[in-house]
PDB file of N, CA and C in Angstrom:
ATOM      1  N   MET A   1       0.819  -1.190   0.000  1.00  0.00           N
ATOM      2  CA  MET A   1       0.000   0.000   0.000  1.00  0.00           C
ATOM      3  C   MET A   1       0.867   1.259   0.000  1.00  0.00           C
ATOM      4  N   ALA A   2       1.910   1.277   0.823  1.00  0.00           N
ATOM      5  CA  ALA A   2       2.793   2.441   0.891  1.00  0.00           C
ATOM      6  C   ALA A   2       3.518   2.653  -0.429  1.00  0.00           C
ATOM      7  N   ILE A   3       3.850   1.564  -1.101  1.00  0.00           N
ATOM      8  CA  ILE A   3       4.543   1.684  -2.384  1.00  0.00           C
ATOM      9  C   ILE A   3       3.640   2.374  -3.400  1.00  0.00           C
ATOM     10  N   ARG A   4       2.380   2.002  -3.426  1.00  0.00           N
ATOM     11  CA  ARG A   4       1.449   2.623  -4.369  1.00  0.00           C
ATOM     12  C   ARG A   4       1.267   4.107  -4.086  1.00  0.00           C
ATOM     13  N   VAL A   5       1.182   4.460  -2.819  1.00  0.00           N
ATOM     14  CA  VAL A   5       1.039   5.871  -2.452  1.00  0.00           C
ATOM     15  C   VAL A   5       2.268   6.651  -2.906  1.00  0.00           C
ATOM     16  N   LEU A   6       3.454   6.104  -2.675  1.00  0.00           N
ATOM     17  CA  LEU A   6       4.671   6.790  -3.093  1.00  0.00           C
ATOM     18  C   LEU A   6       4.760   6.909  -4.610  1.00  0.00           C
ATOM     19  N   ILE A   7       4.324   5.879  -5.321  1.00  0.00           N
ATOM     20  CA  ILE A   7       4.343   5.934  -6.786  1.00  0.00           C
ATOM     21  C   ILE A   7       3.383   7.009  -7.292  1.00  0.00           C
ATOM     22  N   ILE A   8       2.212   7.075  -6.695  1.00  0.00           N
ATOM     23  CA  ILE A   8       1.235   8.096  -7.112  1.00  0.00           C
ATOM     24  C   ILE A   8       1.763   9.499  -6.803  1.00  0.00           C
ATOM     25  N   LEU A   9       2.335   9.692  -5.623  1.00  0.00           N
ATOM     26  CA  LEU A   9       2.899  10.996  -5.273  1.00  0.00           C
ATOM     27  C   LEU A   9       4.035  11.369  -6.219  1.00  0.00           C
ATOM     28  N   ALA A  10       4.888  10.401  -6.542  1.00  0.00           N
ATOM     29  CA  ALA A  10       5.983  10.669  -7.474  1.00  0.00           C
ATOM     30  C   ALA A  10       5.447  11.090  -8.831  1.00  0.00           C
ATOM     31  N   ALA A  11       4.431  10.393  -9.318  1.00  0.00           N
ATOM     32  CA  ALA A  11       3.859  10.734 -10.622  1.00  0.00           C
ATOM     33  C   ALA A  11       3.226  12.117 -10.600  1.00  0.00           C
ATOM     34  N   VAL A  12       2.503  12.433  -9.534  1.00  0.00           N
ATOM     35  CA  VAL A  12       1.847  13.748  -9.438  1.00  0.00           C
ATOM     36  C   VAL A  12       2.888  14.865  -9.428  1.00  0.00           C
ATOM     37  N   PHE A  13       3.936  14.710  -8.628  1.00  0.00           N
ATOM     38  CA  PHE A  13       4.947  15.760  -8.554  1.00  0.00           C
ATOM     39  C   PHE A  13       5.745  15.884  -9.845  1.00  0.00           C
ATOM     40  N   LEU A  14       6.056  14.762 -10.498  1.00  0.00           N
ATOM     41  CA  LEU A  14       6.812  14.845 -11.749  1.00  0.00           C
ATOM     42  C   LEU A  14       5.972  15.449 -12.871  1.00  0.00           C
ATOM     43  N   VAL A  15       4.698  15.101 -12.945  1.00  0.00           N
ATOM     44  CA  VAL A  15       3.816  15.715 -13.941  1.00  0.00           C
ATOM     45  C   VAL A  15       3.634  17.202 -13.630  1.00  0.00           C
ATOM     46  N   GLY A  16       3.495  17.537 -12.363  1.00  0.00           N
ATOM     47  CA  GLY A  16       3.389  18.937 -11.973  1.00  0.00           C
ATOM     48  C   GLY A  16       4.635  19.733 -12.326  1.00  0.00           C
ATOM     49  N   ALA A  17       5.809  19.136 -12.129  1.00  0.00           N
ATOM     50  CA  ALA A  17       7.056  19.810 -12.494  1.00  0.00           C
ATOM     51  C   ALA A  17       7.117  20.050 -13.998  1.00  0.00           C
ATOM     52  N   PHE A  18       6.691  19.060 -14.773  1.00  0.00           N
ATOM     53  CA  PHE A  18       6.676  19.226 -16.227  1.00  0.00           C
ATOM     54  C   PHE A  18       5.693  20.316 -16.637  1.00  0.00           C
ATOM     55  N   ALA A  19       4.530  20.342 -16.017  1.00  0.00           N
ATOM     56  CA  ALA A  19       3.529  21.358 -16.348  1.00  0.00           C
ATOM     57  C   ALA A  19       4.035  22.758 -16.001  1.00  0.00           C
ATOM     58  N   ILE A  20       4.678  22.900 -14.863  1.00  0.00           N
ATOM     59  CA  ILE A  20       5.225  24.205 -14.486  1.00  0.00           C
ATOM     60  C   ILE A  20       6.323  24.624 -15.453  1.00  0.00           C
ATOM     61  N   ALA A  21       7.181  23.675 -15.830  1.00  0.00           N
ATOM     62  CA  ALA A  21       8.269  23.999 -16.757  1.00  0.00           C
ATOM     63  C   ALA A  21       7.742  24.431 -18.115  1.00  0.00           C
ATOM     64  N   VAL A  22       6.625  23.853 -18.545  1.00  0.00           N
ATOM     65  CA  VAL A  22       6.077  24.175 -19.862  1.00  0.00           C
ATOM     66  C   VAL A  22       5.234  25.448 -19.817  1.00  0.00           C
ATOM     67  N   LEU A  23       4.430  25.623 -18.771  1.00  0.00           N
ATOM     68  CA  LEU A  23       3.469  26.724 -18.738  1.00  0.00           C
ATOM     69  C   LEU A  23       4.010  28.025 -18.148  1.00  0.00           C
ATOM     70  N   ALA A  24       4.960  27.944 -17.232  1.00  0.00           N
ATOM     71  CA  ALA A  24       5.494  29.149 -16.596  1.00  0.00           C
ATOM     72  C   ALA A  24       6.526  29.794 -17.518  1.00  0.00           C
ATOM     73  N   PRO A  25       6.813  31.065 -17.287  1.00  0.00           N
ATOM     74  CA  PRO A  25       7.883  31.700 -18.068  1.00  0.00           C
ATOM     75  C   PRO A  25       9.203  30.954 -17.853  1.00  0.00           C
ATOM     76  N   PRO A  26      10.048  30.895 -18.877  1.00  0.00           N
ATOM     77  CA  PRO A  26      11.304  30.137 -18.748  1.00  0.00           C
ATOM     78  C   PRO A  26      12.174  30.655 -17.608  1.00  0.00           C
ATOM     79  N   GLY A  27      12.590  29.744 -16.758  1.00  0.00           N
ATOM     80  CA  GLY A  27      13.472  30.092 -15.647  1.00  0.00           C
ATOM     81  C   GLY A  27      12.819  30.901 -14.550  1.00  0.00           C
ATOM     82  N   ALA A  28      11.492  30.921 -14.495  1.00  0.00           N
ATOM     83  CA  ALA A  28      10.806  31.701 -13.468  1.00  0.00           C
ATOM     84  C   ALA A  28      11.088  31.104 -12.091  1.00  0.00           C
ATOM     85  N   PRO A  29      11.567  31.925 -11.154  1.00  0.00           N
ATOM     86  CA  PRO A  29      11.831  31.394  -9.817  1.00  0.00           C
ATOM     87  C   PRO A  29      10.540  31.092  -9.063  1.00  0.00           C
ATOM     88  N   LEU A  30      10.651  30.200  -8.105  1.00  0.00           N
ATOM     89  CA  LEU A  30       9.501  29.797  -7.307  1.00  0.00           C
ATOM     90  C   LEU A  30       8.902  30.984  -6.558  1.00  0.00           C
ATOM     91  N   GLY A  31       9.736  31.862  -6.040  1.00  0.00           N
ATOM     92  CA  GLY A  31       9.244  33.024  -5.310  1.00  0.00           C
ATOM     93  C   GLY A  31       8.368  33.924  -6.176  1.00  0.00           C
ATOM     94  N   LEU A  32       8.729  34.081  -7.447  1.00  0.00           N
ATOM     95  CA  LEU A  32       7.933  34.909  -8.350  1.00  0.00           C
ATOM     96  C   LEU A  32       6.558  34.300  -8.582  1.00  0.00           C
ATOM     97  N   LEU A  33       6.509  32.991  -8.793  1.00  0.00           N
ATOM     98  CA  LEU A  33       5.212  32.349  -9.013  1.00  0.00           C
ATOM     99  C   LEU A  33       4.345  32.389  -7.763  1.00  0.00           C
ATOM    100  N   LEU A  34       4.949  32.218  -6.600  1.00  0.00           N
ATOM    101  CA  LEU A  34       4.182  32.318  -5.359  1.00  0.00           C
ATOM    102  C   LEU A  34       3.684  33.737  -5.140  1.00  0.00           C
ATOM    103  N   TYR A  35       4.491  34.724  -5.514  1.00  0.00           N
ATOM    104  CA  TYR A  35       4.067  36.117  -5.391  1.00  0.00           C
ATOM    105  C   TYR A  35       2.903  36.416  -6.331  1.00  0.00           C
ATOM    106  N   ARG A  36       2.958  35.866  -7.533  1.00  0.00           N
ATOM    107  CA  ARG A  36       1.856  36.074  -8.477  1.00  0.00           C
ATOM    108  C   ARG A  36       0.590  35.348  -8.023  1.00  0.00           C
ATOM    109  N   PHE A  37       0.761  34.232  -7.346  1.00  0.00           N
ATOM    110  CA  PHE A  37      -0.379  33.470  -6.849  1.00  0.00           C
ATOM    111  C   PHE A  37      -1.080  34.212  -5.720  1.00  0.00           C
ATOM    112  N   ASP A  38      -0.307  34.686  -4.741  1.00  0.00           N
ATOM    113  CA  ASP A  38      -0.857  35.420  -3.594  1.00  0.00           C
ATOM    114  C   ASP A  38       0.209  36.389  -3.111  1.00  0.00           C
ATOM    115  N   ARG A  39      -0.073  37.658  -3.218  1.00  0.00           N
ATOM    116  CA  ARG A  39       0.914  38.697  -2.916  1.00  0.00           C
ATOM    117  C   ARG A  39       1.326  38.731  -1.447  1.00  0.00           C
ATOM    118  N   GLY A  40       0.475  38.330  -0.540  1.00  0.00           N
ATOM    119  CA  GLY A  40       0.807  38.375   0.882  1.00  0.00           C
ATOM    120  C   GLY A  40       1.369  37.082   1.433  1.00  0.00           C
ATOM    121  N   LEU A  41       1.393  36.036   0.624  1.00  0.00           N
ATOM    122  CA  LEU A  41       1.810  34.715   1.106  1.00  0.00           C
ATOM    123  C   LEU A  41       3.253  34.704   1.595  1.00  0.00           C
ATOM    124  N   LEU A  42       4.159  35.279   0.822  1.00  0.00           N
ATOM    125  CA  LEU A  42       5.570  35.251   1.211  1.00  0.00           C
ATOM    126  C   LEU A  42       5.826  36.080   2.465  1.00  0.00           C
ATOM    127  N   ASN A  43       5.143  37.206   2.591  1.00  0.00           N
ATOM    128  CA  ASN A  43       5.314  38.022   3.797  1.00  0.00           C
ATOM    129  C   ASN A  43       4.809  37.294   5.041  1.00  0.00           C
ATOM    130  N   MET A  44       3.655  36.641   4.921  1.00  0.00           N
ATOM    131  CA  MET A  44       3.129  35.880   6.060  1.00  0.00           C
ATOM    132  C   MET A  44       4.038  34.708   6.399  1.00  0.00           C
ATOM    133  N   ALA A  45       4.534  34.019   5.371  1.00  0.00           N
ATOM    134  CA  ALA A  45       5.420  32.878   5.614  1.00  0.00           C
ATOM    135  C   ALA A  45       6.718  33.332   6.274  1.00  0.00           C
ATOM    136  N   GLN A  46       7.279  34.432   5.797  1.00  0.00           N
ATOM    137  CA  GLN A  46       8.512  34.940   6.389  1.00  0.00           C
ATOM    138  C   GLN A  46       8.301  35.330   7.839  1.00  0.00           C
ATOM    139  N   ALA A  47       7.236  36.047   8.117  1.00  0.00           N
ATOM    140  CA  ALA A  47       6.965  36.458   9.499  1.00  0.00           C
ATOM    141  C   ALA A  47       6.736  35.242  10.391  1.00  0.00           C
ATOM    142  N   GLY A  48       5.994  34.263   9.904  1.00  0.00           N
ATOM    143  CA  GLY A  48       5.731  33.071  10.709  1.00  0.00           C
ATOM    144  C   GLY A  48       6.982  32.263  10.991  1.00  0.00           C
ATOM    145  N   VAL A  49       7.804  32.067   9.979  1.00  0.00           N
ATOM    146  CA  VAL A  49       9.032  31.289  10.173  1.00  0.00           C
ATOM    147  C   VAL A  49       9.983  32.014  11.105  1.00  0.00           C
ATOM    148  N   GLN A  50      10.176  33.308  10.883  1.00  0.00           N
ATOM    149  CA  GLN A  50      11.115  34.042  11.723  1.00  0.00           C
ATOM    150  C   GLN A  50      10.623  34.197  13.160  1.00  0.00           C
ATOM    151  N   ARG A  51       9.318  34.293  13.353  1.00  0.00           N
ATOM    152  CA  ARG A  51       8.784  34.480  14.698  1.00  0.00           C
ATOM    153  C   ARG A  51       8.685  33.161  15.458  1.00  0.00           C
ATOM    154  N   HIS A  52       8.221  32.116  14.800  1.00  0.00           N
ATOM    155  CA  HIS A  52       7.934  30.869  15.514  1.00  0.00           C
ATOM    156  C   HIS A  52       9.055  29.833  15.431  1.00  0.00           C
ATOM    157  N   LEU A  53       9.902  29.914  14.430  1.00  0.00           N
ATOM    158  CA  LEU A  53      11.002  28.954  14.331  1.00  0.00           C
ATOM    159  C   LEU A  53      12.320  29.649  14.637  1.00  0.00           C
ATOM    160  N   ALA A  54      12.961  30.172  13.589  1.00  0.00           N
ATOM    161  CA  ALA A  54      14.222  30.896  13.776  1.00  0.00           C
ATOM    162  C   ALA A  54      14.485  31.717  12.519  1.00  0.00           C
ATOM    163  N   PRO A  55      15.045  32.911  12.674  1.00  0.00           N
ATOM    164  CA  PRO A  55      15.300  33.746  11.493  1.00  0.00           C
ATOM    165  C   PRO A  55      16.263  33.113  10.494  1.00  0.00           C
ATOM    166  N   TRP A  56      17.232  32.327  10.987  1.00  0.00           N
ATOM    167  CA  TRP A  56      18.205  31.739  10.073  1.00  0.00           C
ATOM    168  C   TRP A  56      17.560  30.708   9.154  1.00  0.00           C
ATOM    169  N   ILE A  57      16.443  30.104   9.545  1.00  0.00           N
ATOM    170  CA  ILE A  57      15.766  29.130   8.682  1.00  0.00           C
ATOM    171  C   ILE A  57      15.268  29.814   7.415  1.00  0.00           C
ATOM    172  N   TRP A  58      14.714  31.011   7.570  1.00  0.00           N
ATOM    173  CA  TRP A  58      14.234  31.743   6.391  1.00  0.00           C
ATOM    174  C   TRP A  58      15.400  32.131   5.493  1.00  0.00           C
ATOM    175  N   ASP A  59      16.459  32.673   6.108  1.00  0.00           N
ATOM    176  CA  ASP A  59      17.579  33.191   5.319  1.00  0.00           C
ATOM    177  C   ASP A  59      18.414  32.097   4.671  1.00  0.00           C
ATOM    178  N   ARG A  60      18.652  31.016   5.376  1.00  0.00           N
ATOM    179  CA  ARG A  60      19.587  29.995   4.881  1.00  0.00           C
ATOM    180  C   ARG A  60      18.922  28.798   4.210  1.00  0.00           C
ATOM    181  N   LEU A  61      17.645  28.560   4.467  1.00  0.00           N
ATOM    182  CA  LEU A  61      16.984  27.396   3.886  1.00  0.00           C
ATOM    183  C   LEU A  61      15.905  27.758   2.874  1.00  0.00           C
ATOM    184  N   ILE A  62      15.044  28.686   3.232  1.00  0.00           N
ATOM    185  CA  ILE A  62      13.873  28.951   2.391  1.00  0.00           C
ATOM    186  C   ILE A  62      14.200  29.897   1.237  1.00  0.00           C
ATOM    187  N   VAL A  63      14.947  30.958   1.480  1.00  0.00           N
ATOM    188  CA  VAL A  63      15.267  31.904   0.409  1.00  0.00           C
ATOM    189  C   VAL A  63      16.041  31.235  -0.733  1.00  0.00           C
ATOM    190  N   PRO A  64      17.031  30.385  -0.462  1.00  0.00           N
ATOM    191  CA  PRO A  64      17.689  29.716  -1.593  1.00  0.00           C
ATOM    192  C   PRO A  64      16.742  28.836  -2.425  1.00  0.00           C
ATOM    193  N   VAL A  65      15.714  28.286  -1.807  1.00  0.00           N
ATOM    194  CA  VAL A  65      14.734  27.497  -2.557  1.00  0.00           C
ATOM    195  C   VAL A  65      13.844  28.421  -3.391  1.00  0.00           C
ATOM    196  N   LEU A  66      13.514  29.587  -2.857  1.00  0.00           N
ATOM    197  CA  LEU A  66      12.634  30.507  -3.564  1.00  0.00           C
ATOM    198  C   LEU A  66      13.278  31.128  -4.802  1.00  0.00           C
ATOM    199  N   VAL A  67      14.597  31.170  -4.869  1.00  0.00           N
ATOM    200  CA  VAL A  67      15.260  31.759  -6.039  1.00  0.00           C
ATOM    201  C   VAL A  67      15.572  30.717  -7.115  1.00  0.00           C
ATOM    202  N   ARG A  68      15.321  29.463  -6.842  1.00  0.00           N
ATOM    203  CA  ARG A  68      15.527  28.406  -7.839  1.00  0.00           C
ATOM    204  C   ARG A  68      14.344  28.373  -8.803  1.00  0.00           C
ATOM    205  N   PRO A  69      14.532  27.742  -9.974  1.00  0.00           N
ATOM    206  CA  PRO A  69      13.396  27.612 -10.907  1.00  0.00           C
ATOM    207  C   PRO A  69      12.227  26.878 -10.253  1.00  0.00           C
ATOM    208  N   ALA A  70      11.020  27.300 -10.605  1.00  0.00           N
ATOM    209  CA  ALA A  70       9.820  26.796  -9.942  1.00  0.00           C
ATOM    210  C   ALA A  70       9.611  25.303 -10.161  1.00  0.00           C
ATOM    211  N   TRP A  71      10.042  24.759 -11.290  1.00  0.00           N
ATOM    212  CA  TRP A  71       9.817  23.344 -11.579  1.00  0.00           C
ATOM    213  C   TRP A  71      10.746  22.444 -10.768  1.00  0.00           C
ATOM    214  N   LEU A  72      11.806  23.007 -10.202  1.00  0.00           N
ATOM    215  CA  LEU A  72      12.823  22.185  -9.537  1.00  0.00           C
ATOM    216  C   LEU A  72      12.308  21.542  -8.254  1.00  0.00           C
ATOM    217  N   VAL A  73      11.508  22.256  -7.480  1.00  0.00           N
ATOM    218  CA  VAL A  73      11.019  21.717  -6.198  1.00  0.00           C
ATOM    219  C   VAL A  73      10.110  20.505  -6.408  1.00  0.00           C
ATOM    220  N   PRO A  74       9.064  20.578  -7.263  1.00  0.00           N
ATOM    221  CA  PRO A  74       8.262  19.376  -7.456  1.00  0.00           C
ATOM    222  C   PRO A  74       9.032  18.249  -8.141  1.00  0.00           C
ATOM    223  N   ALA A  75       9.991  18.588  -8.994  1.00  0.00           N
ATOM    224  CA  ALA A  75      10.790  17.533  -9.629  1.00  0.00           C
ATOM    225  C   ALA A  75      11.623  16.784  -8.590  1.00  0.00           C
ATOM    226  N   CYS A  76      12.232  17.523  -7.666  1.00  0.00           N
ATOM    227  CA  CYS A  76      13.025  16.876  -6.611  1.00  0.00           C
ATOM    228  C   CYS A  76      12.149  16.013  -5.704  1.00  0.00           C
ATOM    229  N   LEU A  77      10.980  16.527  -5.347  1.00  0.00           N
ATOM    230  CA  LEU A  77      10.073  15.729  -4.520  1.00  0.00           C
ATOM    231  C   LEU A  77       9.619  14.470  -5.255  1.00  0.00           C
ATOM    232  N   GLY A  78       9.355  14.583  -6.547  1.00  0.00           N
ATOM    233  CA  GLY A  78       8.969  13.414  -7.333  1.00  0.00           C
ATOM    234  C   GLY A  78      10.066  12.369  -7.376  1.00  0.00           C
ATOM    235  N   VAL A  79      11.301  12.805  -7.526  1.00  0.00           N
ATOM    236  CA  VAL A  79      12.424  11.858  -7.546  1.00  0.00           C
ATOM    237  C   VAL A  79      12.599  11.206  -6.175  1.00  0.00           C
ATOM    238  N   ILE A  80      12.425  11.973  -5.117  1.00  0.00           N
ATOM    239  CA  ILE A  80      12.548  11.410  -3.761  1.00  0.00           C
ATOM    240  C   ILE A  80      11.465  10.362  -3.514  1.00  0.00           C
ATOM    241  N   PHE A  81      10.213  10.670  -3.890  1.00  0.00           N
ATOM    242  CA  PHE A  81       9.134   9.698  -3.702  1.00  0.00           C
ATOM    243  C   PHE A  81       9.339   8.458  -4.566  1.00  0.00           C
ATOM    244  N   ALA A  82       9.834   8.628  -5.787  1.00  0.00           N
ATOM    245  CA  ALA A  82      10.105   7.474  -6.652  1.00  0.00           C
ATOM    246  C   ALA A  82      11.216   6.607  -6.058  1.00  0.00           C
ATOM    247  N   GLY A  83      12.230   7.249  -5.516  1.00  0.00           N
ATOM    248  CA  GLY A  83      13.297   6.488  -4.862  1.00  0.00           C
ATOM    249  C   GLY A  83      12.800   5.737  -3.637  1.00  0.00           C
ATOM    250  N   GLY A  84      11.911   6.362  -2.875  1.00  0.00           N
ATOM    251  CA  GLY A  84      11.329   5.672  -1.726  1.00  0.00           C
ATOM    252  C   GLY A  84      10.505   4.464  -2.145  1.00  0.00           C
ATOM    253  N   ALA A  85       9.746   4.605  -3.234  1.00  0.00           N
ATOM    254  CA  ALA A  85       8.947   3.481  -3.724  1.00  0.00           C
ATOM    255  C   ALA A  85       9.845   2.354  -4.210  1.00  0.00           C
ATOM    256  N   LEU A  86      10.917   2.697  -4.910  1.00  0.00           N
ATOM    257  CA  LEU A  86      11.842   1.661  -5.379  1.00  0.00           C
ATOM    258  C   LEU A  86      12.556   0.977  -4.220  1.00  0.00           C
ATOM    259  N   THR A  87      12.896   1.738  -3.204  1.00  0.00           N
ATOM    260  CA  THR A  87      13.552   1.156  -2.033  1.00  0.00           C
ATOM    261  C   THR A  87      12.623   0.190  -1.309  1.00  0.00           C
ATOM    262  N   LEU A  88      11.370   0.590  -1.129  1.00  0.00           N
ATOM    263  CA  LEU A  88      10.409  -0.310  -0.474  1.00  0.00           C
ATOM    264  C   LEU A  88      10.132  -1.538  -1.322  1.00  0.00           C
ATOM    265  N   ALA A  89      10.047  -1.357  -2.628  1.00  0.00           N
ATOM    266  CA  ALA A  89       9.800  -2.504  -3.505  1.00  0.00           C
ATOM    267  C   ALA A  89      10.981  -3.464  -3.489  1.00  0.00           C
ATOM    268  N   GLY A  90      12.193  -2.927  -3.442  1.00  0.00           N
ATOM    269  CA  GLY A  90      13.380  -3.774  -3.392  1.00  0.00           C
ATOM    270  C   GLY A  90      13.503  -4.526  -2.086  1.00  0.00           C
ATOM    271  N   SER A  91      13.163  -3.888  -0.978  1.00  0.00           N
ATOM    272  CA  SER A  91      13.249  -4.562   0.316  1.00  0.00           C
ATOM    273  C   SER A  91      12.148  -5.604   0.461  1.00  0.00           C
ATOM    274  N   ARG A  92      11.017  -5.368  -0.167  1.00  0.00           N
ATOM    275  CA  ARG A  92       9.920  -6.338  -0.103  1.00  0.00           C
ATOM    276  C   ARG A  92      10.264  -7.593  -0.905  1.00  0.00           C
ATOM    277  N   SER A  93      10.877  -7.423  -2.070  1.00  0.00           N
ATOM    278  CA  SER A  93      11.187  -8.584  -2.901  1.00  0.00           C
ATOM    279  C   SER A  93      12.320  -9.414  -2.306  1.00  0.00           C
ATOM    280  N   SER A  94      13.222  -8.791  -1.539  1.00  0.00           N
ATOM    281  CA  SER A  94      14.305  -9.557  -0.939  1.00  0.00           C
ATOM    282  C   SER A  94      13.824 -10.364   0.266  1.00  0.00           C
ATOM    283  N   ARG A  95      12.710  -9.969   0.880  1.00  0.00           N
ATOM    284  CA  ARG A  95      12.179 -10.702   2.030  1.00  0.00           C
ATOM    285  C   ARG A  95      11.232 -11.811   1.617  1.00  0.00           C
ATOM    286  N   ALA A  96      10.682 -11.729   0.414  1.00  0.00           N
ATOM    287  CA  ALA A  96       9.685 -12.708   0.001  1.00  0.00           C
ATOM    288  C   ALA A  96      10.320 -14.081  -0.201  1.00  0.00           C
ATOM    289  N   PRO A  97       9.689 -15.119   0.307  1.00  0.00           N
ATOM    290  CA  PRO A  97      10.241 -16.459   0.110  1.00  0.00           C
ATOM    291  C   PRO A  97      10.077 -16.889  -1.348  1.00  0.00           C
ATOM    292  N   ARG A  98      11.047 -17.644  -1.806  1.00  0.00           N
ATOM    293  CA  ARG A  98      10.992 -18.122  -3.185  1.00  0.00           C
ATOM    294  C   ARG A  98      10.262 -19.464  -3.221  1.00  0.00           C
ATOM    295  N   ARG A  99       9.412 -19.586  -4.205  1.00  0.00           N
ATOM    296  CA  ARG A  99       8.635 -20.819  -4.344  1.00  0.00           C
ATOM    297  C   ARG A  99       9.284 -21.717  -5.373  1.00  0.00           C
ATOM    298  N   ARG A 100       9.249 -22.952  -5.083  1.00  0.00           N
ATOM    299  CA  ARG A 100       9.739 -23.925  -6.055  1.00  0.00           C
ATOM    300  C   ARG A 100       8.561 -24.547  -6.746  1.00  0.00           C
ATOM    301  N   GLY A 101       8.656 -24.651  -8.016  1.00  0.00           N
ATOM    302  CA  GLY A 101       7.507 -25.164  -8.756  1.00  0.00           C
ATOM    303  C   GLY A 101       7.743 -26.347  -9.529  1.00  0.00           C
TER     304      GLY A 101
END
């Protein structure tokens, strides 16, 4: 069951990355698309992260992701989920007993 969920998530994120790469302006950063989606979203996220977590998380982790191309984040998540599905499938097949026929 977990393998199927990971495969579906991988497919959704990889298709989403392809759609963003095709439909968005070439090389558009993630921050620009989020700003176009909702103008106050980045300000609220920055205030929340800096107030409730730590200011360095926004500066050192989130800002570098926001300046990357928008398709890169869903593509990376899709590859991670696909790798997780392959890892679970490989561990399942190594545990299964072999039948003699």
